[in-house]
Amino acid sequence: MRPLLFACCLWLAAPALADDTAALEAAVQAHERGDVAAARQALEALSRQGLPAADYNLGVIALDAGQPADAARWMERAARAGFVTAMVGLGRLHDTGRLGRPNPTQAQRWFTLAAEAGSVDAMVEVATAFYLGRGAVRDRGTAARWYREAAKGGDVGAQYLLAAMYETGDGVEGDLRLARYWYDIAAKNGDEAAPSKLKELDARLKAAS
């Protein structure tokens, strides 16, 4: 499982207060120093003030302490308040079985909420669920739509996968020019396989013309 990291940003749906920002950063620094007790105390105070980022970070502490149920409780509180990082975190907890057995349906629920709120990582997760039919009905067209959103958001893997879908007509109408467009973007962003695909498509497009 990809580790859940401390979040040092505030809830973007509300104005950030300077005092809250400083207190949250101090709690994160205490955690980074290994002073978990001080971090927890500061975060609990911020949680009582209604700061979702504090709830999420308390969930990370609980998870590190081997208390996944408490972690889920804290993260769900943050997620329901609109904290997108917590939505992604809950999706990963359910997807990997940290709360018991893996629950891809619940994972997809939280990933979808996060994707709709703009999380590129969650968009990839949602797309993959639709592509594989894991936690969602298999739907390559919907998968392509979410991979496209993630690709536009800068995810290199999504850019390559979307290009491959256009190349083969998988979930979308086949279009070599669009395939080349996305392979080119993936190549410029560092994907190692994309340059060879670009050469291949250039040859095919030249032959077709």
C-alpha atoms as a PDB file:
ATOM      1  CA  MET A   1       0.000   0.000   0.000  1.00  0.00           C
ATOM      2  CA  ARG A   2       1.244   3.478  -0.816  1.00  0.00           C
ATOM      3  CA  PRO A   3       1.892   5.126   2.577  1.00  0.00           C
ATOM      4  CA  LEU A   4      -0.539   7.770   3.728  1.00  0.00           C
ATOM      5  CA  LEU A   5       1.309  10.990   4.382  1.00  0.00           C
ATOM      6  CA  PHE A   6       0.708  13.852   6.731  1.00  0.00           C
ATOM      7  CA  ALA A   7      -1.179  16.727   5.130  1.00  0.00           C
ATOM      8  CA  CYS A   8      -0.013  20.263   5.841  1.00  0.00           C
ATOM      9  CA  CYS A   9      -2.672  22.087   3.810  1.00  0.00           C
ATOM     10  CA  LEU A  10      -5.921  23.414   5.190  1.00  0.00           C
ATOM     11  CA  TRP A  11      -9.452  22.787   3.994  1.00  0.00           C
ATOM     12  CA  LEU A  12      -9.624  24.689   0.733  1.00  0.00           C
ATOM     13  CA  ALA A  13     -13.366  25.225   0.992  1.00  0.00           C
ATOM     14  CA  ALA A  14     -12.866  27.640   3.872  1.00  0.00           C
ATOM     15  CA  PRO A  15     -10.603  30.663   4.350  1.00  0.00           C
ATOM     16  CA  ALA A  16      -7.261  29.647   5.841  1.00  0.00           C
ATOM     17  CA  LEU A  17      -6.517  31.348   9.148  1.00  0.00           C
ATOM     18  CA  ALA A  18      -2.898  32.220   9.861  1.00  0.00           C
ATOM     19  CA  ASP A  19      -3.056  30.807  13.392  1.00  0.00           C
ATOM     20  CA  ASP A  20      -4.492  27.503  12.147  1.00  0.00           C
ATOM     21  CA  THR A  21      -1.836  27.278   9.442  1.00  0.00           C
ATOM     22  CA  ALA A  22       0.977  27.846  11.903  1.00  0.00           C
ATOM     23  CA  ALA A  23      -0.454  25.370  14.414  1.00  0.00           C
ATOM     24  CA  LEU A  24      -0.929  22.711  11.762  1.00  0.00           C
ATOM     25  CA  GLU A  25       2.599  23.174  10.441  1.00  0.00           C
ATOM     26  CA  ALA A  26       3.956  22.931  13.992  1.00  0.00           C
ATOM     27  CA  ALA A  27       2.084  19.656  14.502  1.00  0.00           C
ATOM     28  CA  VAL A  28       3.453  18.263  11.244  1.00  0.00           C
ATOM     29  CA  GLN A  29       6.989  19.267  12.250  1.00  0.00           C
ATOM     30  CA  ALA A  30       6.564  17.583  15.633  1.00  0.00           C
ATOM     31  CA  HIS A  31       5.462  14.401  13.883  1.00  0.00           C
ATOM     32  CA  GLU A  32       8.451  14.573  11.552  1.00  0.00           C
ATOM     33  CA  ARG A  33      10.745  14.884  14.602  1.00  0.00           C
ATOM     34  CA  GLY A  34       9.188  11.736  16.007  1.00  0.00           C
ATOM     35  CA  ASP A  35       7.324  13.541  18.788  1.00  0.00           C
ATOM     36  CA  VAL A  36       4.008  11.824  18.123  1.00  0.00           C
ATOM     37  CA  ALA A  37       2.519  12.781  21.499  1.00  0.00           C
ATOM     38  CA  ALA A  38       3.041  16.493  20.865  1.00  0.00           C
ATOM     39  CA  ALA A  39       1.704  16.174  17.329  1.00  0.00           C
ATOM     40  CA  ARG A  40      -1.396  14.356  18.540  1.00  0.00           C
ATOM     41  CA  GLN A  41      -2.062  16.911  21.273  1.00  0.00           C
ATOM     42  CA  ALA A  42      -1.804  19.813  18.834  1.00  0.00           C
ATOM     43  CA  LEU A  43      -3.942  18.076  16.237  1.00  0.00           C
ATOM     44  CA  GLU A  44      -6.643  17.203  18.742  1.00  0.00           C
ATOM     45  CA  ALA A  45      -6.872  20.880  19.677  1.00  0.00           C
ATOM     46  CA  LEU A  46      -7.213  21.817  16.007  1.00  0.00           C
ATOM     47  CA  SER A  47      -9.789  19.060  15.507  1.00  0.00           C
ATOM     48  CA  ARG A  48     -11.918  20.542  18.277  1.00  0.00           C
ATOM     49  CA  GLN A  49     -11.824  23.786  16.297  1.00  0.00           C
ATOM     50  CA  GLY A  50     -13.255  21.957  13.298  1.00  0.00           C
ATOM     51  CA  LEU A  51     -10.150  21.696  11.092  1.00  0.00           C
ATOM     52  CA  PRO A  52     -10.515  18.711   8.702  1.00  0.00           C
ATOM     53  CA  ALA A  53      -6.761  18.523   7.995  1.00  0.00           C
ATOM     54  CA  ALA A  54      -6.219  17.842  11.686  1.00  0.00           C
ATOM     55  CA  ASP A  55      -8.734  14.986  11.602  1.00  0.00           C
ATOM     56  CA  TYR A  56      -6.978  13.465   8.592  1.00  0.00           C
ATOM     57  CA  ASN A  57      -3.578  13.673  10.280  1.00  0.00           C
ATOM     58  CA  LEU A  58      -4.965  12.088  13.433  1.00  0.00           C
ATOM     59  CA  GLY A  59      -6.090   9.267  11.183  1.00  0.00           C
ATOM     60  CA  VAL A  60      -2.544   8.862   9.869  1.00  0.00           C
ATOM     61  CA  ILE A  61      -1.230   8.691  13.440  1.00  0.00           C
ATOM     62  CA  ALA A  62      -3.849   6.071  14.326  1.00  0.00           C
ATOM     63  CA  LEU A  63      -2.922   4.017  11.278  1.00  0.00           C
ATOM     64  CA  ASP A  64       0.770   4.175  12.163  1.00  0.00           C
ATOM     65  CA  ALA A  65      -0.166   2.971  15.653  1.00  0.00           C
ATOM     66  CA  GLY A  66      -1.940  -0.088  14.247  1.00  0.00           C
ATOM     67  CA  GLN A  67      -5.445   1.260  14.863  1.00  0.00           C
ATOM     68  CA  PRO A  68      -7.097   1.149  11.417  1.00  0.00           C
ATOM     69  CA  ALA A  69     -10.659   1.491  12.718  1.00  0.00           C
ATOM     70  CA  ASP A  70      -9.734   4.731  14.513  1.00  0.00           C
ATOM     71  CA  ALA A  71      -7.877   5.861  11.404  1.00  0.00           C
ATOM     72  CA  ALA A  72     -10.981   5.324   9.280  1.00  0.00           C
ATOM     73  CA  ARG A  73     -13.141   7.203  11.793  1.00  0.00           C
ATOM     74  CA  TRP A  74     -10.867  10.254  11.759  1.00  0.00           C
ATOM     75  CA  MET A  75     -10.449  10.213   7.995  1.00  0.00           C
ATOM     76  CA  GLU A  76     -14.157   9.817   7.351  1.00  0.00           C
ATOM     77  CA  ARG A  77     -14.827  12.836   9.530  1.00  0.00           C
ATOM     78  CA  ALA A  78     -12.334  14.838   7.451  1.00  0.00           C
ATOM     79  CA  ALA A  79     -13.688  13.471   4.179  1.00  0.00           C
ATOM     80  CA  ARG A  80     -17.279  14.346   5.048  1.00  0.00           C
ATOM     81  CA  ALA A  81     -16.086  17.893   5.726  1.00  0.00           C
ATOM     82  CA  GLY A  82     -14.704  18.060   2.182  1.00  0.00           C
ATOM     83  CA  PHE A  83     -11.029  17.212   2.726  1.00  0.00           C
ATOM     84  CA  VAL A  84     -10.046  15.501  -0.530  1.00  0.00           C
ATOM     85  CA  THR A  85      -6.838  13.934   0.784  1.00  0.00           C
ATOM     86  CA  ALA A  86      -8.940  12.055   3.339  1.00  0.00           C
ATOM     87  CA  MET A  87     -11.253  10.760   0.601  1.00  0.00           C
ATOM     88  CA  VAL A  88      -8.249   9.330  -1.224  1.00  0.00           C
ATOM     89  CA  GLY A  89      -6.891   7.896   2.019  1.00  0.00           C
ATOM     90  CA  LEU A  90     -10.161   6.132   2.759  1.00  0.00           C
ATOM     91  CA  GLY A  91     -10.238   4.733  -0.750  1.00  0.00           C
ATOM     92  CA  ARG A  92      -6.795   3.231  -0.235  1.00  0.00           C
ATOM     93  CA  LEU A  93      -7.696   1.803   3.164  1.00  0.00           C
ATOM     94  CA  HIS A  94     -10.679  -0.013   1.665  1.00  0.00           C
ATOM     95  CA  ASP A  95      -8.851  -1.024  -1.504  1.00  0.00           C
ATOM     96  CA  THR A  96      -5.927  -2.654   0.293  1.00  0.00           C
ATOM     97  CA  GLY A  97      -7.895  -4.339   3.053  1.00  0.00           C
ATOM     98  CA  ARG A  98      -6.390  -2.349   5.892  1.00  0.00           C
ATOM     99  CA  LEU A  99      -9.859  -2.283   7.480  1.00  0.00           C
ATOM    100  CA  GLY A 100     -10.373  -6.029   7.112  1.00  0.00           C
ATOM    101  CA  ARG A 101     -10.999  -7.604   3.736  1.00  0.00           C
ATOM    102  CA  PRO A 102     -10.419  -5.498   0.622  1.00  0.00           C
ATOM    103  CA  ASN A 103     -13.612  -3.705  -0.326  1.00  0.00           C
ATOM    104  CA  PRO A 104     -13.215  -2.383  -3.885  1.00  0.00           C
ATOM    105  CA  THR A 105     -16.800  -1.114  -3.984  1.00  0.00           C
ATOM    106  CA  GLN A 106     -16.261   1.132  -0.964  1.00  0.00           C
ATOM    107  CA  ALA A 107     -12.867   2.120  -2.318  1.00  0.00           C
ATOM    108  CA  GLN A 108     -14.465   3.180  -5.593  1.00  0.00           C
ATOM    109  CA  ARG A 109     -17.047   5.224  -3.702  1.00  0.00           C
ATOM    110  CA  TRP A 110     -14.400   7.302  -1.951  1.00  0.00           C
ATOM    111  CA  PHE A 111     -12.123   7.515  -4.992  1.00  0.00           C
ATOM    112  CA  THR A 112     -15.049   8.782  -7.056  1.00  0.00           C
ATOM    113  CA  LEU A 113     -15.822  11.533  -4.561  1.00  0.00           C
ATOM    114  CA  ALA A 114     -12.159  12.555  -4.578  1.00  0.00           C
ATOM    115  CA  ALA A 115     -11.965  12.420  -8.374  1.00  0.00           C
ATOM    116  CA  GLU A 116     -15.050  14.589  -8.706  1.00  0.00           C
ATOM    117  CA  ALA A 117     -13.377  17.041  -6.325  1.00  0.00           C
ATOM    118  CA  GLY A 118     -10.313  17.217  -8.577  1.00  0.00           C
ATOM    119  CA  SER A 119      -7.834  14.622  -7.281  1.00  0.00           C
ATOM    120  CA  VAL A 120      -5.781  13.351 -10.219  1.00  0.00           C
ATOM    121  CA  ASP A 121      -4.628  10.288  -8.259  1.00  0.00           C
ATOM    122  CA  ALA A 122      -8.262   9.412  -7.576  1.00  0.00           C
ATOM    123  CA  MET A 123      -9.163   9.877 -11.251  1.00  0.00           C
ATOM    124  CA  VAL A 124      -6.631   7.191 -12.149  1.00  0.00           C
ATOM    125  CA  GLU A 125      -8.041   4.857  -9.494  1.00  0.00           C
ATOM    126  CA  VAL A 126     -11.608   5.382 -10.735  1.00  0.00           C
ATOM    127  CA  ALA A 127     -10.586   4.851 -14.354  1.00  0.00           C
ATOM    128  CA  THR A 128      -8.738   1.656 -13.509  1.00  0.00           C
ATOM    129  CA  ALA A 129     -11.718   0.319 -11.562  1.00  0.00           C
ATOM    130  CA  PHE A 130     -13.978   0.831 -14.584  1.00  0.00           C
ATOM    131  CA  TYR A 131     -11.355  -0.592 -16.943  1.00  0.00           C
ATOM    132  CA  LEU A 132     -10.927  -3.787 -14.923  1.00  0.00           C
ATOM    133  CA  GLY A 133     -14.467  -4.061 -13.596  1.00  0.00           C
ATOM    134  CA  ARG A 134     -13.159  -4.075 -10.032  1.00  0.00           C
ATOM    135  CA  GLY A 135     -15.429  -2.200  -7.635  1.00  0.00           C
ATOM    136  CA  ALA A 136     -17.461  -0.934 -10.582  1.00  0.00           C
ATOM    137  CA  VAL A 137     -19.211  -2.323 -13.639  1.00  0.00           C
ATOM    138  CA  ARG A 138     -16.654  -2.876 -16.389  1.00  0.00           C
ATOM    139  CA  ASP A 139     -17.026   0.097 -18.730  1.00  0.00           C
ATOM    140  CA  ARG A 140     -14.093   0.949 -20.976  1.00  0.00           C
ATOM    141  CA  GLY A 141     -15.770   4.136 -22.232  1.00  0.00           C
ATOM    142  CA  THR A 142     -16.109   5.525 -18.717  1.00  0.00           C
ATOM    143  CA  ALA A 143     -12.573   4.381 -17.991  1.00  0.00           C
ATOM    144  CA  ALA A 144     -11.342   6.358 -20.983  1.00  0.00           C
ATOM    145  CA  ARG A 145     -13.205   9.445 -19.782  1.00  0.00           C
ATOM    146  CA  TRP A 146     -11.521   9.327 -16.384  1.00  0.00           C
ATOM    147  CA  TYR A 147      -8.102   8.501 -17.858  1.00  0.00           C
ATOM    148  CA  ARG A 148      -8.572  11.544 -20.094  1.00  0.00           C
ATOM    149  CA  GLU A 149      -9.290  13.759 -17.089  1.00  0.00           C
ATOM    150  CA  ALA A 150      -6.239  12.375 -15.277  1.00  0.00           C
ATOM    151  CA  ALA A 151      -4.125  12.830 -18.410  1.00  0.00           C
ATOM    152  CA  LYS A 152      -5.216  16.452 -18.660  1.00  0.00           C
ATOM    153  CA  GLY A 153      -4.289  16.764 -14.990  1.00  0.00           C
ATOM    154  CA  GLY A 154      -0.725  15.687 -15.781  1.00  0.00           C
ATOM    155  CA  ASP A 155      -0.631  11.992 -14.855  1.00  0.00           C
ATOM    156  CA  VAL A 156       1.933  10.425 -17.184  1.00  0.00           C
ATOM    157  CA  GLY A 157       0.615   6.881 -16.836  1.00  0.00           C
ATOM    158  CA  ALA A 158      -2.873   8.052 -17.772  1.00  0.00           C
ATOM    159  CA  GLN A 159      -1.486   9.906 -20.772  1.00  0.00           C
ATOM    160  CA  TYR A 160       0.151   6.730 -22.055  1.00  0.00           C
ATOM    161  CA  LEU A 161      -2.878   4.538 -21.351  1.00  0.00           C
ATOM    162  CA  LEU A 162      -5.226   6.976 -23.063  1.00  0.00           C
ATOM    163  CA  ALA A 163      -2.934   7.023 -26.091  1.00  0.00           C
ATOM    164  CA  ALA A 164      -3.011   3.219 -26.204  1.00  0.00           C
ATOM    165  CA  MET A 165      -6.807   3.245 -26.012  1.00  0.00           C
ATOM    166  CA  TYR A 166      -7.014   5.635 -28.976  1.00  0.00           C
ATOM    167  CA  GLU A 167      -4.498   3.514 -30.863  1.00  0.00           C
ATOM    168  CA  THR A 168      -6.478   0.306 -30.437  1.00  0.00           C
ATOM    169  CA  GLY A 169     -10.017   1.701 -30.243  1.00  0.00           C
ATOM    170  CA  ASP A 170     -10.414   0.358 -26.717  1.00  0.00           C
ATOM    171  CA  GLY A 171     -13.347   2.193 -25.126  1.00  0.00           C
ATOM    172  CA  VAL A 172     -13.064   5.043 -27.641  1.00  0.00           C
ATOM    173  CA  GLU A 173     -13.234   5.396 -31.405  1.00  0.00           C
ATOM    174  CA  GLY A 174      -9.816   4.529 -32.761  1.00  0.00           C
ATOM    175  CA  ASP A 175      -7.851   7.607 -33.770  1.00  0.00           C
ATOM    176  CA  LEU A 176      -4.132   7.379 -34.551  1.00  0.00           C
ATOM    177  CA  ARG A 177      -3.685  11.134 -34.512  1.00  0.00           C
ATOM    178  CA  LEU A 178      -5.118  11.435 -31.025  1.00  0.00           C
ATOM    179  CA  ALA A 179      -3.039   8.437 -30.006  1.00  0.00           C
ATOM    180  CA  ARG A 180       0.059  10.195 -31.307  1.00  0.00           C
ATOM    181  CA  TYR A 181      -0.935  13.400 -29.504  1.00  0.00           C
ATOM    182  CA  TRP A 182      -1.092  11.655 -26.123  1.00  0.00           C
ATOM    183  CA  TYR A 183       2.001   9.503 -26.717  1.00  0.00           C
ATOM    184  CA  ASP A 184       3.856  12.724 -27.517  1.00  0.00           C
ATOM    185  CA  ILE A 185       2.729  14.354 -24.277  1.00  0.00           C
ATOM    186  CA  ALA A 186       3.627  11.223 -22.293  1.00  0.00           C
ATOM    187  CA  ALA A 187       7.064  11.169 -23.930  1.00  0.00           C
ATOM    188  CA  LYS A 188       7.676  14.822 -23.096  1.00  0.00           C
ATOM    189  CA  ASN A 189       6.722  14.065 -19.495  1.00  0.00           C
ATOM    190  CA  GLY A 190       9.256  11.261 -19.214  1.00  0.00           C
ATOM    191  CA  ASP A 191       7.432   8.029 -20.088  1.00  0.00           C
ATOM    192  CA  GLU A 192      10.129   5.634 -21.316  1.00  0.00           C
ATOM    193  CA  ALA A 193       7.944   3.604 -23.681  1.00  0.00           C
ATOM    194  CA  ALA A 194       6.225   6.536 -25.382  1.00  0.00           C
ATOM    195  CA  PRO A 195       9.077   7.630 -27.724  1.00  0.00           C
ATOM    196  CA  SER A 196       9.141   4.273 -29.513  1.00  0.00           C
ATOM    197  CA  LYS A 197       5.354   4.386 -29.884  1.00  0.00           C
ATOM    198  CA  LEU A 198       5.684   7.849 -31.402  1.00  0.00           C
ATOM    199  CA  LYS A 199       8.088   6.541 -34.048  1.00  0.00           C
ATOM    200  CA  GLU A 200       5.788   3.617 -34.775  1.00  0.00           C
ATOM    201  CA  LEU A 201       2.727   5.840 -35.196  1.00  0.00           C
ATOM    202  CA  ASP A 202       4.611   8.358 -37.308  1.00  0.00           C
ATOM    203  CA  ALA A 203       5.498   5.545 -39.696  1.00  0.00           C
ATOM    204  CA  ARG A 204       1.904   4.300 -39.777  1.00  0.00           C
ATOM    205  CA  LEU A 205       0.472   7.772 -40.350  1.00  0.00           C
ATOM    206  CA  LYS A 206       3.001   8.445 -43.105  1.00  0.00           C
ATOM    207  CA  ALA A 207       2.153   5.164 -44.824  1.00  0.00           C
ATOM    208  CA  ALA A 208      -1.569   5.920 -44.542  1.00  0.00           C
ATOM    209  CA  SER A 209      -1.128   9.311 -46.181  1.00  0.00           C
END
